[in-house]
Amino acid sequence: MAENNNSNKPKRNPYAIYWIYAVIVLGIIVAAYYNGSSDAQLRNINTFYSLADSSMIGDARIVNYKRVDFKLNEAGEKALKANKNPKGELKFIKKALEKKSNGFSQKGTPVFSIDIVDAGNFETKLDEINERLIAKGKATISAPPVEERDYFGSIIGFLLPILIIILIWVFVMRRMSGGGGGAGGQIFNIGKSRAQVYEKGKSTNITFKDVAGLEGAKEEIQEIVEFLRSPQRYTELGAKIPKGALLVGPPGTGKTLLAKAVAGEAKVPFFSLSGSDFVEMFVGVGASRVRDLFRQAKEKAPAIIFIDEIDAIGRARGKNNGFNSNDERENTLNQLLTEMDGFGTNSGVIILAATNRADVLDAALMRAGRFDRQIYVDMPDLNERKEIFQVHLKPLKLDKNMDIDFLSKQTPGFSGADIANLCNEAALIAARKNKKFVEKQDFLDAVDRIIGGLEKKNKIITKEEKRAIAFHEAGHATTSWLLEHAHPLVKVTIVPRGRSLGAAWYLPEERQITTTEQILDDMCSALGGRAAEQLIFGKISTGALSDLEKVTKQAYAMVSIYGLNERVGNISFYDSQGRDAFTKPYSDDTARIIDEEVSKLIETQYQRALKILSENKDKLTALADKLLDKEVIFKEDLEEIFGKRLWISEEEENMAVNTPPSEDSTTNFVSEQGMDEANNSDSNVINPTIEPLDHTNKSEE
C-alpha cells in the first residue's frame, strides 16, 4: 500500500519556483512603473504650450530639470469636457479627467507629465507665453523648479541588478547540480549527449542485405546482433557478449554503412554519434557527454553505441605533448575508458567504433575488454566489387549488353564509395547525352572523368610541347611493355585532363606482397618518360616531376623500410607510431649511406630505361608518331608495333574484353590507378610546366 501511495503521489513540478520568481520580478517592475507623481505621461511638449496659450494650465513645476508636471485649472477642465471632438493628446487628457484618478493625485485633479530636453529653452518659451497672457489680461503661469527624490526607484535600481544576478546564479547552480550525466544536466544542456537514438519505429532502412561484399566483417557484426537478440544461445555455453568492436579500414570501404545496417537490423536501441560530438570549447563538456551517453544507454540496455571517427577523441595520450597537448581531449578519453571498462559495469551495452587511423589510437582503448574485436574492412576484391556493382546498378536503366564482370575486373583498388560515385557519374553522362539507357561507353567516360579529371579540349599546346609529351608517354609505354613485372598497359593519351598534359594508364595487379624485381621494374617504367626525352631530344624537362617523386619514395622505401638493400641490410626504420616526426632513428653516417643507395638505385634504373629505349628506338618513334596522330592509343596499337607481350599478368588472363575499344574515341575505360598507395601504381603524368622544345636540338629519329 505504501508503494501504491507513493506511486499515486502527484509529482512536484520542478519549474514552480521559477513562476514565483517571475511574479516577484513582474510585481517590482509594475510597482516601479506606477510609482510617481503623475497620472498620465504626455509626449508632445507642444500640447503644454497650446494649453498654456489658452490659459488652461493651473499649477506647474519643473521636476529635476527633466520633466514638467502640471494640472489643468477649472476653466481648462470644463473646456476639455465640453469639447466633443478633441484631437491628439487632448483626447488622452480628456479621458484622464473623466476617470478622476484620486489615488495618485491631489484634490482629485489628475497630474500630467511631459519630459523636457532643455529646461532653459522651456523657461524661455514659458516667459513668451506669459507675456502674451499679460497682454490679454489673463493670469500668468508659474513653473518653479523643484527637486524630487524617488526613494523607491533608487532602492529598486540598486536591488534589481543584484536580484537578477542571484536568480541567474541559482538557475545555473540548479542546472549544474546534477552534473553532465545527472538529471539536471548542465546549463543549456551543453553536457548532454548529442547521439541520435534509433529505437522501435525509427530505423535507418538499411539492412545487411544492402551491404555488398565485406563477408568477414558482416559475419563478425551479425554475431553481435544475434547475441543481443537471443543471448541464451550463447550464455548456455558460458560465452559472454563482446564489449566492443572496432571497424578499421581505408576511407570509403563501408565501415559506417555496416553500422547503419546494425541500426537497421538490431531490435535494440542504437546510439549513433561522431567522435567530434564530444569536443567542445568548454572545459569538462566532453567527459560530461560521455557520462550522459552511457547513462542513457544503461537505462535502455541492451543497447549499442556507435562512435564514428573515434580517432577524434581516442588519440594516444602524451604523444608530442609539447606541440599537441590537449588536456580536455585526454579527459574525454579517460572518461570513455572508464565507462567502457572501469570500476563500474556496463552489462548489456556494446560499443561499435569506426576509424581509418587505428595507428594513432591509444593503447588502452585498443585492449581486450574495451574493444574485444578489431575488424579490418579492406578494399573489396574482384567478387566483392561485382556484388557492389550489382547493388549500385539496380536503380539505373542499363543497356541490355552491360557486362558487370567487365566493370568489376577493370576496377582494382576501387572502394565501395568509388564504385557508387562511378555509377552515378555514368548516369549523369548518359543523361547529358539524352540517352534512354546507360551504356558501357558511359561508364568508360565516367572513369576517365573521375580518375583523369575534366578533359581540356581548348587547352593551347604548341607543336614542340605536344611532341615532347608524346615521346614522354611513349617512353613509359615502351618500357612497361618490355618489362616482365611492370603493370600491363591499358591506354596512352596526350589529351590534357585535369592537371596533366598526358598519361599512360595501367591495370595494376592486386598484389598481396611485392618483390624486389617488381619494384625495380615499376621504377624503370616510371623513369621511361625522362629517358625518352634524353634519348630523342638530347635534353630533359620538368615534365617528369610526378615520376621522380614516385621513384624517390619507392627507392627510400626499399632501402630504409623494406630492408631490400644489401648495403643497409635487413633493417627497417619504419615509424608506425609516428613518434619520430622530428628525429631520425639512425645516425648521420647511416643517413648518408641511405642517400647514396637511393641515388644509386634510381640512376641504375634510369640507365636501364635508357638502354631499353635505345635498343627499341625505332619502335619508340613509331609509337610516338602514332600517338601524335591519334592522341589516344590502346593495347592493340602497341601489339601492332611491339607484337604480343611476352608476359601475361593475372589481370589480363581474367579480363573479359567483350568489344575492342574504338580507335577514334578520345576516351576509353581504363583501370583505376593511384587510388591506393598499396597498389604501387600512379599515372605517369607529364607536368604542365614543361618547357617548349626545339626541333633543331633533337637527335635523329
Foldseek 3Di string as FASTA:
>chain_A
DVVVVVVPDDDDDPCPVVVVVVVVVVVLVVCVVPDDQADEEDEDVVVVLVCLLVVQWDAWAQEPVWKIKTFGDPVNLVVLCVDPDDDDCSVVLNVQLVVLPPVRYPPSTGIYMYTDDGSVVVVVSLVVSQVVCVVVVHDGYDYYYDYDDDPSVVVCVVCVVVSVVVVVVVVQCQLPVQPCQGPSHGVVNLLAAPWDKQAPPRALPAAVLLQFDPVVVLVVLVVLLVCQVPVCVPVVVPDDRFQEEEEEEDPQQQQVVSVRNSRHPRNFMETEDELCSLDDPDAPSNLSNLSNVLVVCLVRFLYEYEYEANCSLFFAPPFPCVVDNDVRSVSNNVSNLCSSANPDDSPNYHYYYYHHCPLGGHPSCPDGSRHVYYHYRYADALNRQLRLLVSLCVVFFADPPDDSSQVSLQAPPDHSVNSNQLSVQLRVVCVVVVHPHRYPFSSQVSQCCVFQNAFDPPDDDDPQRLLLQLLLQLQLQQLQLQQQLRFAWFKWFQGHHDQFRIWTFGRFDPDPDDDPSNLLSNLLSLLRSQLSCCQWQVDGWQFSVVSVVLLLVSLLCCVAACQPDPVSGRHHQDDSNPRQVPHGPDDPVVVVVSVVSSVVSNVVSNVVSNVSCVVVVVLSVVSSVVCSVQRMDGPVVSCVRPNDRPHDDPSNVSNDCPDDDDSNDNTGHGYDFPSDVVSSGDISGTGPVTDRGDPVRTDDD
